[in-house]
């Protein structure tokens, strides 16, 4: 059953709102994907705080804001398009979708928008292979703390040596 103009307007407004709030939008081709697989994917994405919505290509084109993003043409994307909207983390939607696409060949990543820039499939896959934000922050803290802990160990070594010398002098007396 075709959508009425009011339904289409509501969908366009919803997608415009989601695009305005997002940090990343990943577009996927879901042609041939079974309903149970799609449900499992939505659950995984929901855990990461990501919305997943099927969108007709013409409505997606209308929903795209003016500027660099408007150069994206949904008609160039193959298959039935669904979009994952990441609001908290730029990497989370790409990571979950890429992981799912490795086990289910019917899901194909076709591109995306990250921080207002259009990304191709290869760039989205590279983004998906990055560690999470928390892991990157932990590495940064470890890199900063490493020289400090080494310095503390050097200082402790000098004190430890002094204590050994003093205890050896005490034993000889």
N, C-alpha and C. Protein backbone atom coordinates (compact mmCIF):
# COMPACT_ATOMS: atom_id res chain seq x y z
N UNK A 1 0.84 -1.18 0.00
CA UNK A 1 0.00 0.00 0.00
C UNK A 1 0.89 1.25 0.00
N UNK A 2 0.66 2.15 -0.94
CA UNK A 2 1.48 3.37 -1.00
C UNK A 2 1.24 4.27 0.21
N UNK A 3 2.28 5.04 0.51
CA UNK A 3 2.18 5.97 1.64
C UNK A 3 1.45 7.24 1.22
N UNK A 4 0.68 7.81 2.14
CA UNK A 4 0.01 9.09 1.87
C UNK A 4 1.04 10.22 2.01
N UNK A 5 0.66 11.41 1.57
CA UNK A 5 1.56 12.56 1.66
C UNK A 5 1.89 12.88 3.12
N UNK A 6 0.89 12.73 4.00
CA UNK A 6 1.12 13.01 5.42
C UNK A 6 2.12 12.02 6.01
N UNK A 7 2.00 10.76 5.64
CA UNK A 7 2.94 9.74 6.14
C UNK A 7 4.35 10.03 5.63
N UNK A 8 4.45 10.38 4.36
CA UNK A 8 5.76 10.69 3.78
C UNK A 8 6.37 11.92 4.46
N UNK A 9 5.55 12.94 4.71
CA UNK A 9 6.04 14.14 5.38
C UNK A 9 6.53 13.81 6.79
N UNK A 10 5.80 12.95 7.49
CA UNK A 10 6.20 12.54 8.84
C UNK A 10 7.52 11.78 8.81
N UNK A 11 7.70 10.91 7.83
CA UNK A 11 8.96 10.16 7.69
C UNK A 11 10.11 11.12 7.39
N UNK A 12 9.90 12.05 6.46
CA UNK A 12 10.95 13.02 6.10
C UNK A 12 11.33 13.87 7.31
N UNK A 13 10.33 14.34 8.06
CA UNK A 13 10.62 15.14 9.26
C UNK A 13 11.39 14.34 10.29
N UNK A 14 11.02 13.07 10.48
CA UNK A 14 11.70 12.19 11.43
C UNK A 14 13.16 11.98 11.03
N UNK A 15 13.38 11.71 9.75
CA UNK A 15 14.75 11.48 9.26
C UNK A 15 15.57 12.76 9.34
N UNK A 16 14.98 13.90 9.03
CA UNK A 16 15.69 15.19 9.15
C UNK A 16 16.13 15.42 10.59
N UNK A 17 15.23 15.13 11.53
CA UNK A 17 15.55 15.29 12.95
C UNK A 17 16.70 14.37 13.34
N UNK A 18 16.64 13.13 12.91
CA UNK A 18 17.69 12.16 13.26
C UNK A 18 19.03 12.56 12.65
N UNK A 19 19.01 13.03 11.41
CA UNK A 19 20.26 13.45 10.76
C UNK A 19 20.85 14.67 11.46
N UNK A 20 19.99 15.57 11.93
CA UNK A 20 20.50 16.78 12.61
C UNK A 20 21.14 16.46 13.96
N UNK A 21 20.73 15.36 14.61
CA UNK A 21 21.25 15.00 15.94
C UNK A 21 22.39 13.99 15.89
N UNK A 22 22.65 13.41 14.76
CA UNK A 22 23.59 12.29 14.67
C UNK A 22 25.06 12.72 14.68
N UNK A 23 25.91 11.76 15.06
CA UNK A 23 27.35 11.91 14.87
C UNK A 23 27.79 11.09 13.67
N UNK A 24 27.03 10.01 13.39
CA UNK A 24 27.33 9.16 12.24
C UNK A 24 26.05 8.52 11.74
N UNK A 25 25.92 8.44 10.41
CA UNK A 25 24.84 7.69 9.77
C UNK A 25 25.49 6.71 8.82
N UNK A 26 25.19 5.43 9.01
CA UNK A 26 25.74 4.39 8.15
C UNK A 26 24.60 3.82 7.33
N UNK A 27 24.76 3.79 6.01
CA UNK A 27 23.74 3.26 5.11
C UNK A 27 24.09 1.82 4.75
N UNK A 28 23.07 0.96 4.79
CA UNK A 28 23.27 -0.45 4.48
C UNK A 28 22.24 -0.91 3.47
N UNK A 29 22.63 -1.93 2.70
CA UNK A 29 21.72 -2.61 1.79
C UNK A 29 21.23 -3.85 2.52
N UNK A 30 19.91 -3.94 2.75
CA UNK A 30 19.37 -5.06 3.52
C UNK A 30 18.58 -6.03 2.65
N UNK A 31 18.77 -5.95 1.34
CA UNK A 31 18.03 -6.82 0.43
C UNK A 31 18.41 -8.28 0.72
N UNK A 32 17.40 -9.11 0.94
CA UNK A 32 17.63 -10.52 1.21
C UNK A 32 17.82 -10.86 2.67
N UNK A 33 17.80 -9.86 3.54
CA UNK A 33 17.99 -10.08 4.97
C UNK A 33 16.69 -10.60 5.58
N UNK A 34 16.77 -11.66 6.35
CA UNK A 34 15.58 -12.26 6.97
C UNK A 34 15.14 -11.41 8.16
N UNK A 35 13.84 -11.50 8.49
CA UNK A 35 13.27 -10.70 9.56
C UNK A 35 13.93 -11.02 10.89
N UNK A 36 14.20 -12.29 11.17
CA UNK A 36 14.83 -12.65 12.44
C UNK A 36 16.24 -12.08 12.54
N UNK A 37 16.96 -12.04 11.41
CA UNK A 37 18.30 -11.45 11.41
C UNK A 37 18.22 -9.93 11.61
N UNK A 38 17.24 -9.31 10.97
CA UNK A 38 17.05 -7.87 11.11
C UNK A 38 16.69 -7.51 12.55
N UNK A 39 15.87 -8.34 13.18
CA UNK A 39 15.50 -8.11 14.58
C UNK A 39 16.71 -8.24 15.49
N UNK A 40 17.54 -9.25 15.25
CA UNK A 40 18.76 -9.43 16.04
C UNK A 40 19.71 -8.25 15.86
N UNK A 41 19.82 -7.76 14.63
CA UNK A 41 20.68 -6.60 14.35
C UNK A 41 20.17 -5.36 15.08
N UNK A 42 18.86 -5.14 15.05
CA UNK A 42 18.29 -3.98 15.74
C UNK A 42 18.56 -4.03 17.24
N UNK A 43 18.49 -5.24 17.83
CA UNK A 43 18.78 -5.39 19.26
C UNK A 43 20.22 -5.03 19.57
N UNK A 44 21.15 -5.49 18.72
CA UNK A 44 22.57 -5.17 18.92
C UNK A 44 22.81 -3.66 18.79
N UNK A 45 22.19 -3.05 17.80
CA UNK A 45 22.35 -1.61 17.60
C UNK A 45 21.73 -0.82 18.75
N UNK A 46 20.60 -1.29 19.26
CA UNK A 46 19.92 -0.59 20.36
C UNK A 46 20.79 -0.58 21.62
N UNK A 47 21.55 -1.68 21.85
CA UNK A 47 22.46 -1.74 23.00
C UNK A 47 23.51 -0.64 22.95
N UNK A 48 23.89 -0.25 21.73
CA UNK A 48 24.90 0.79 21.54
C UNK A 48 24.29 2.19 21.43
N UNK A 49 22.96 2.29 21.56
CA UNK A 49 22.30 3.59 21.45
C UNK A 49 22.16 4.06 20.02
N UNK A 50 21.99 3.12 19.09
CA UNK A 50 21.90 3.44 17.67
C UNK A 50 20.49 3.12 17.17
N UNK A 51 19.89 4.07 16.43
CA UNK A 51 18.59 3.83 15.79
C UNK A 51 18.82 3.25 14.40
N UNK A 52 17.95 2.33 13.99
CA UNK A 52 18.07 1.71 12.67
C UNK A 52 16.72 1.80 11.98
N UNK A 53 16.70 2.41 10.79
CA UNK A 53 15.44 2.68 10.12
C UNK A 53 15.56 2.44 8.62
N UNK A 54 14.57 1.73 8.06
CA UNK A 54 14.49 1.58 6.61
C UNK A 54 13.92 2.87 6.03
N UNK A 55 14.50 3.32 4.91
CA UNK A 55 14.08 4.58 4.30
C UNK A 55 14.04 4.40 2.78
N UNK A 56 12.97 4.88 2.17
CA UNK A 56 12.93 4.90 0.71
C UNK A 56 13.96 5.92 0.23
N UNK A 57 14.58 5.61 -0.90
CA UNK A 57 15.66 6.46 -1.41
C UNK A 57 15.18 7.87 -1.73
N UNK A 58 13.99 8.01 -2.28
CA UNK A 58 13.49 9.35 -2.62
C UNK A 58 13.23 10.17 -1.36
N UNK A 59 12.71 9.53 -0.31
CA UNK A 59 12.47 10.25 0.94
C UNK A 59 13.79 10.61 1.62
N UNK A 60 14.79 9.74 1.49
CA UNK A 60 16.11 10.03 2.05
C UNK A 60 16.72 11.23 1.35
N UNK A 61 16.61 11.29 0.05
CA UNK A 61 17.17 12.42 -0.72
C UNK A 61 16.53 13.74 -0.28
N UNK A 62 15.22 13.72 -0.04
CA UNK A 62 14.51 14.93 0.41
C UNK A 62 14.96 15.31 1.82
N UNK A 63 15.28 14.30 2.64
CA UNK A 63 15.62 14.53 4.05
C UNK A 63 17.01 15.09 4.26
N UNK A 64 17.89 14.90 3.29
CA UNK A 64 19.27 15.34 3.47
C UNK A 64 19.34 16.86 3.51
N UNK A 65 20.07 17.41 4.49
CA UNK A 65 20.18 18.87 4.57
C UNK A 65 21.05 19.41 3.45
N UNK A 66 20.94 20.71 3.24
CA UNK A 66 21.75 21.37 2.22
C UNK A 66 23.20 21.41 2.69
N UNK A 67 24.11 21.54 1.74
CA UNK A 67 25.52 21.58 2.07
C UNK A 67 26.24 20.39 1.47
N UNK A 68 27.34 19.99 2.11
CA UNK A 68 28.15 18.89 1.58
C UNK A 68 27.38 17.58 1.52
N UNK A 69 26.53 17.35 2.49
CA UNK A 69 25.80 16.08 2.56
C UNK A 69 24.81 15.95 1.42
N UNK A 70 24.28 17.06 0.91
CA UNK A 70 23.28 16.99 -0.15
C UNK A 70 23.85 16.41 -1.45
N UNK A 71 25.19 16.34 -1.56
CA UNK A 71 25.82 15.73 -2.72
C UNK A 71 25.62 14.22 -2.74
N UNK A 72 25.29 13.63 -1.60
CA UNK A 72 25.04 12.20 -1.52
C UNK A 72 23.76 11.87 -2.26
N UNK A 73 23.84 10.96 -3.20
CA UNK A 73 22.66 10.59 -3.98
C UNK A 73 22.25 9.16 -3.62
N UNK A 74 21.14 8.99 -2.88
CA UNK A 74 20.69 7.65 -2.51
C UNK A 74 20.37 6.76 -3.70
N UNK A 75 20.05 7.35 -4.85
CA UNK A 75 19.74 6.56 -6.04
C UNK A 75 20.97 5.78 -6.52
N UNK A 76 22.17 6.25 -6.16
CA UNK A 76 23.40 5.54 -6.54
C UNK A 76 23.64 4.31 -5.68
N UNK A 77 22.95 4.20 -4.56
CA UNK A 77 23.12 3.07 -3.66
C UNK A 77 22.28 1.89 -4.15
N UNK A 78 22.87 0.71 -4.13
CA UNK A 78 22.18 -0.48 -4.59
C UNK A 78 21.32 -1.07 -3.49
N UNK A 79 20.20 -1.69 -3.87
CA UNK A 79 19.37 -2.44 -2.93
C UNK A 79 18.41 -1.59 -2.13
N UNK A 80 17.88 -2.22 -1.09
CA UNK A 80 16.96 -1.56 -0.17
C UNK A 80 17.79 -0.92 0.94
N UNK A 81 17.58 0.36 1.17
CA UNK A 81 18.44 1.12 2.07
C UNK A 81 17.84 1.23 3.47
N UNK A 82 18.70 1.00 4.45
CA UNK A 82 18.38 1.26 5.85
C UNK A 82 19.52 2.09 6.42
N UNK A 83 19.21 2.93 7.38
CA UNK A 83 20.22 3.82 7.96
C UNK A 83 20.33 3.58 9.45
N UNK A 84 21.57 3.54 9.92
CA UNK A 84 21.85 3.43 11.36
C UNK A 84 22.33 4.80 11.82
N UNK A 85 21.61 5.38 12.79
CA UNK A 85 21.92 6.71 13.29
C UNK A 85 22.63 6.58 14.63
N UNK A 86 23.90 6.98 14.69
CA UNK A 86 24.67 6.95 15.93
C UNK A 86 24.71 8.33 16.56
N UNK A 87 24.19 8.44 17.78
CA UNK A 87 24.10 9.74 18.44
C UNK A 87 25.24 9.99 19.42
N UNK A 88 25.77 8.94 20.04
CA UNK A 88 26.80 9.11 21.07
C UNK A 88 28.21 8.92 20.53
N UNK A 89 28.38 7.90 19.72
CA UNK A 89 29.70 7.49 19.27
C UNK A 89 29.70 7.37 17.75
N UNK A 90 30.74 7.89 17.11
CA UNK A 90 30.84 7.82 15.66
C UNK A 90 31.16 6.41 15.18
N UNK A 91 31.85 5.64 16.00
CA UNK A 91 32.36 4.34 15.59
C UNK A 91 31.35 3.22 15.86
N UNK A 92 30.49 3.36 16.86
CA UNK A 92 29.61 2.28 17.29
C UNK A 92 28.73 1.72 16.18
N UNK A 93 28.01 2.55 15.40
CA UNK A 93 27.17 1.95 14.35
C UNK A 93 27.99 1.20 13.31
N UNK A 94 29.12 1.77 12.92
CA UNK A 94 29.96 1.12 11.92
C UNK A 94 30.49 -0.22 12.44
N UNK A 95 30.91 -0.25 13.71
CA UNK A 95 31.46 -1.47 14.29
C UNK A 95 30.42 -2.59 14.34
N UNK A 96 29.22 -2.27 14.83
CA UNK A 96 28.16 -3.28 14.96
C UNK A 96 27.73 -3.78 13.59
N UNK A 97 27.53 -2.88 12.64
CA UNK A 97 27.10 -3.28 11.30
C UNK A 97 28.17 -4.11 10.60
N UNK A 98 29.43 -3.72 10.74
CA UNK A 98 30.51 -4.48 10.09
C UNK A 98 30.63 -5.88 10.70
N UNK A 99 30.53 -5.96 12.00
CA UNK A 99 30.60 -7.26 12.67
C UNK A 99 29.44 -8.15 12.21
N UNK A 100 28.25 -7.57 12.10
CA UNK A 100 27.09 -8.34 11.67
C UNK A 100 27.23 -8.75 10.20
N UNK A 101 27.78 -7.87 9.37
CA UNK A 101 27.92 -8.19 7.94
C UNK A 101 28.94 -9.30 7.70
N UNK A 102 29.87 -9.49 8.62
CA UNK A 102 30.84 -10.58 8.47
C UNK A 102 30.17 -11.94 8.65
N UNK A 103 29.10 -12.01 9.47
CA UNK A 103 28.42 -13.28 9.69
C UNK A 103 27.19 -13.43 8.81
N UNK A 104 26.71 -12.36 8.19
CA UNK A 104 25.52 -12.41 7.35
C UNK A 104 25.81 -11.67 6.05
N UNK A 105 25.99 -12.42 4.96
CA UNK A 105 26.40 -11.79 3.70
C UNK A 105 25.31 -10.95 3.04
N UNK A 106 24.06 -11.05 3.51
CA UNK A 106 22.98 -10.25 2.93
C UNK A 106 23.01 -8.79 3.36
N UNK A 107 23.70 -8.48 4.45
CA UNK A 107 23.83 -7.09 4.88
C UNK A 107 25.11 -6.52 4.28
N UNK A 108 24.96 -5.43 3.55
CA UNK A 108 26.12 -4.81 2.90
C UNK A 108 26.17 -3.33 3.27
N UNK A 109 27.31 -2.89 3.73
CA UNK A 109 27.51 -1.47 4.02
C UNK A 109 27.75 -0.76 2.69
N UNK A 110 27.02 0.33 2.45
CA UNK A 110 27.16 1.04 1.17
C UNK A 110 27.75 2.43 1.31
N UNK A 111 27.85 2.95 2.53
CA UNK A 111 28.42 4.28 2.72
C UNK A 111 27.90 4.90 4.00
N UNK A 112 28.17 6.19 4.15
CA UNK A 112 27.69 6.85 5.35
C UNK A 112 28.08 8.31 5.43
N UNK A 113 27.65 8.91 6.52
CA UNK A 113 27.98 10.30 6.82
C UNK A 113 28.54 10.32 8.24
N UNK A 114 29.75 10.85 8.40
CA UNK A 114 30.37 10.96 9.71
C UNK A 114 30.83 12.40 9.89
N UNK A 115 30.35 13.04 10.94
CA UNK A 115 30.69 14.43 11.24
C UNK A 115 30.49 15.36 10.02
N UNK A 116 29.41 15.14 9.29
CA UNK A 116 29.07 16.02 8.18
C UNK A 116 29.85 15.78 6.91
N UNK A 117 30.60 14.68 6.85
CA UNK A 117 31.37 14.35 5.65
C UNK A 117 30.90 13.01 5.11
N UNK A 118 30.85 12.89 3.80
CA UNK A 118 30.42 11.65 3.16
C UNK A 118 31.57 10.64 3.19
N UNK A 119 31.29 9.43 3.65
CA UNK A 119 32.27 8.35 3.71
C UNK A 119 31.85 7.24 2.75
N UNK A 120 32.82 6.68 2.04
CA UNK A 120 32.57 5.53 1.17
C UNK A 120 32.64 4.25 1.99
N UNK A 121 32.26 3.13 1.38
CA UNK A 121 32.23 1.85 2.07
C UNK A 121 33.57 1.51 2.71
N UNK A 122 34.66 1.70 1.98
CA UNK A 122 35.99 1.36 2.49
C UNK A 122 36.34 2.19 3.72
N UNK A 123 35.95 3.44 3.72
CA UNK A 123 36.23 4.31 4.87
C UNK A 123 35.41 3.89 6.09
N UNK A 124 34.18 3.44 5.85
CA UNK A 124 33.34 2.97 6.96
C UNK A 124 33.93 1.69 7.55
N UNK A 125 34.43 0.79 6.71
CA UNK A 125 35.05 -0.44 7.20
C UNK A 125 36.31 -0.11 8.02
N UNK A 126 37.10 0.85 7.55
CA UNK A 126 38.28 1.27 8.31
C UNK A 126 37.88 1.87 9.65
N UNK A 127 36.80 2.65 9.66
CA UNK A 127 36.29 3.23 10.90
C UNK A 127 35.82 2.13 11.85
N UNK A 128 35.19 1.10 11.31
CA UNK A 128 34.68 0.00 12.14
C UNK A 128 35.80 -0.77 12.80
N UNK A 129 36.96 -0.79 12.19
CA UNK A 129 38.09 -1.54 12.75
C UNK A 129 38.87 -0.77 13.79
N UNK A 130 38.52 0.50 14.01
CA UNK A 130 39.16 1.28 15.07
C UNK A 130 38.71 0.77 16.44
N UNK A 131 39.57 0.87 17.44
CA UNK A 131 39.13 0.52 18.80
C UNK A 131 38.07 1.50 19.28
N UNK A 132 37.35 1.11 20.31
CA UNK A 132 36.31 1.98 20.85
C UNK A 132 36.94 3.23 21.48
N UNK A 133 36.12 4.20 21.74
CA UNK A 133 36.58 5.46 22.33
C UNK A 133 37.23 5.21 23.69
N UNK A 134 36.60 4.35 24.49
CA UNK A 134 37.14 4.04 25.81
C UNK A 134 38.51 3.38 25.71
N UNK A 135 38.67 2.47 24.74
CA UNK A 135 39.97 1.81 24.56
C UNK A 135 41.05 2.80 24.14
N UNK A 136 40.69 3.73 23.25
CA UNK A 136 41.65 4.74 22.82
C UNK A 136 42.04 5.66 23.97
N UNK A 137 41.07 6.03 24.81
CA UNK A 137 41.37 6.87 25.96
C UNK A 137 42.27 6.12 26.96
N UNK A 138 42.02 4.83 27.14
CA UNK A 138 42.85 4.03 28.04
C UNK A 138 44.29 3.96 27.53
N UNK A 139 44.45 3.81 26.21
CA UNK A 139 45.80 3.80 25.64
C UNK A 139 46.50 5.14 25.85
N UNK A 140 45.75 6.22 25.69
CA UNK A 140 46.32 7.56 25.88
C UNK A 140 46.78 7.74 27.32
N UNK A 141 45.94 7.36 28.26
CA UNK A 141 46.30 7.49 29.68
C UNK A 141 47.52 6.62 29.99
N UNK A 142 47.56 5.41 29.44
CA UNK A 142 48.71 4.53 29.64
C UNK A 142 49.99 5.14 29.08
N UNK A 143 49.88 5.77 27.91
CA UNK A 143 51.05 6.41 27.30
C UNK A 143 51.54 7.59 28.13
N UNK A 144 50.62 8.32 28.70
CA UNK A 144 51.01 9.46 29.53
C UNK A 144 51.58 8.99 30.86
N UNK A 145 51.01 7.95 31.45
CA UNK A 145 51.42 7.48 32.77
C UNK A 145 52.71 6.67 32.74
N UNK A 146 53.06 6.09 31.60
CA UNK A 146 54.23 5.22 31.51
C UNK A 146 55.54 5.92 31.90
N UNK A 147 55.87 7.08 31.36
CA UNK A 147 57.11 7.74 31.77
C UNK A 147 57.10 8.12 33.26
N UNK A 148 55.94 8.50 33.76
CA UNK A 148 55.86 8.86 35.17
C UNK A 148 56.13 7.66 36.07
N UNK A 149 55.54 6.51 35.72
CA UNK A 149 55.76 5.33 36.56
C UNK A 149 57.22 4.87 36.46
N UNK A 150 57.82 5.02 35.29
CA UNK A 150 59.25 4.69 35.15
C UNK A 150 60.11 5.58 36.02
N UNK A 151 59.79 6.86 36.07
CA UNK A 151 60.54 7.81 36.89
C UNK A 151 60.40 7.46 38.37
N UNK A 152 59.19 7.10 38.79
CA UNK A 152 58.96 6.71 40.18
C UNK A 152 59.78 5.47 40.52
N UNK A 153 59.84 4.50 39.60
CA UNK A 153 60.64 3.29 39.84
C UNK A 153 62.12 3.60 39.97
N UNK A 154 62.62 4.54 39.17
CA UNK A 154 64.03 4.94 39.27
C UNK A 154 64.30 5.57 40.63
N UNK A 155 63.41 6.45 41.06
CA UNK A 155 63.58 7.08 42.37
C UNK A 155 63.51 6.04 43.49
N UNK A 156 62.61 5.09 43.37
CA UNK A 156 62.52 4.03 44.38
C UNK A 156 63.76 3.17 44.39
N UNK A 157 64.35 2.96 43.23
CA UNK A 157 65.57 2.16 43.15
C UNK A 157 66.70 2.80 43.92
N UNK A 158 66.85 4.11 43.81
CA UNK A 158 67.90 4.81 44.55
C UNK A 158 67.67 4.71 46.06
N UNK A 159 66.43 4.89 46.47
CA UNK A 159 66.12 4.77 47.90
C UNK A 159 66.34 3.33 48.39
N UNK A 160 65.95 2.37 47.57
CA UNK A 160 66.12 0.97 47.94
C UNK A 160 67.61 0.64 48.09
N UNK A 161 68.42 1.17 47.16
CA UNK A 161 69.88 0.95 47.25
C UNK A 161 70.45 1.56 48.52
N UNK A 162 69.99 2.75 48.89
CA UNK A 162 70.44 3.40 50.11
C UNK A 162 70.07 2.57 51.34
N UNK A 163 68.87 2.03 51.35
CA UNK A 163 68.43 1.19 52.48
C UNK A 163 69.29 -0.07 52.57
N UNK A 164 69.62 -0.69 51.46
CA UNK A 164 70.48 -1.89 51.47
C UNK A 164 71.88 -1.57 52.01
N UNK A 165 72.42 -0.42 51.57
CA UNK A 165 73.75 -0.02 52.05
C UNK A 165 73.72 0.23 53.55
N UNK A 166 72.72 0.95 54.03
CA UNK A 166 72.61 1.23 55.46
C UNK A 166 72.42 -0.06 56.27
N UNK A 167 71.60 -0.99 55.77
CA UNK A 167 71.41 -2.24 56.51
C UNK A 167 72.67 -3.09 56.48
N UNK A 168 73.47 -3.03 55.42
CA UNK A 168 74.73 -3.76 55.36
C UNK A 168 75.74 -3.15 56.34
N UNK A 169 75.77 -1.83 56.44
CA UNK A 169 76.65 -1.15 57.41
C UNK A 169 76.23 -1.52 58.82
N UNK A 170 74.98 -1.59 59.09
CA UNK A 170 74.49 -1.93 60.42
C UNK A 170 74.89 -3.36 60.81
N UNK A 171 74.82 -4.28 59.85
CA UNK A 171 75.18 -5.67 60.10
C UNK A 171 76.66 -5.83 60.37
N UNK A 172 77.50 -5.00 59.74
CA UNK A 172 78.95 -5.11 59.95
C UNK A 172 79.38 -4.53 61.26
N UNK A 173 78.59 -3.71 61.90
CA UNK A 173 78.98 -3.09 63.16
C UNK A 173 78.80 -3.97 64.31
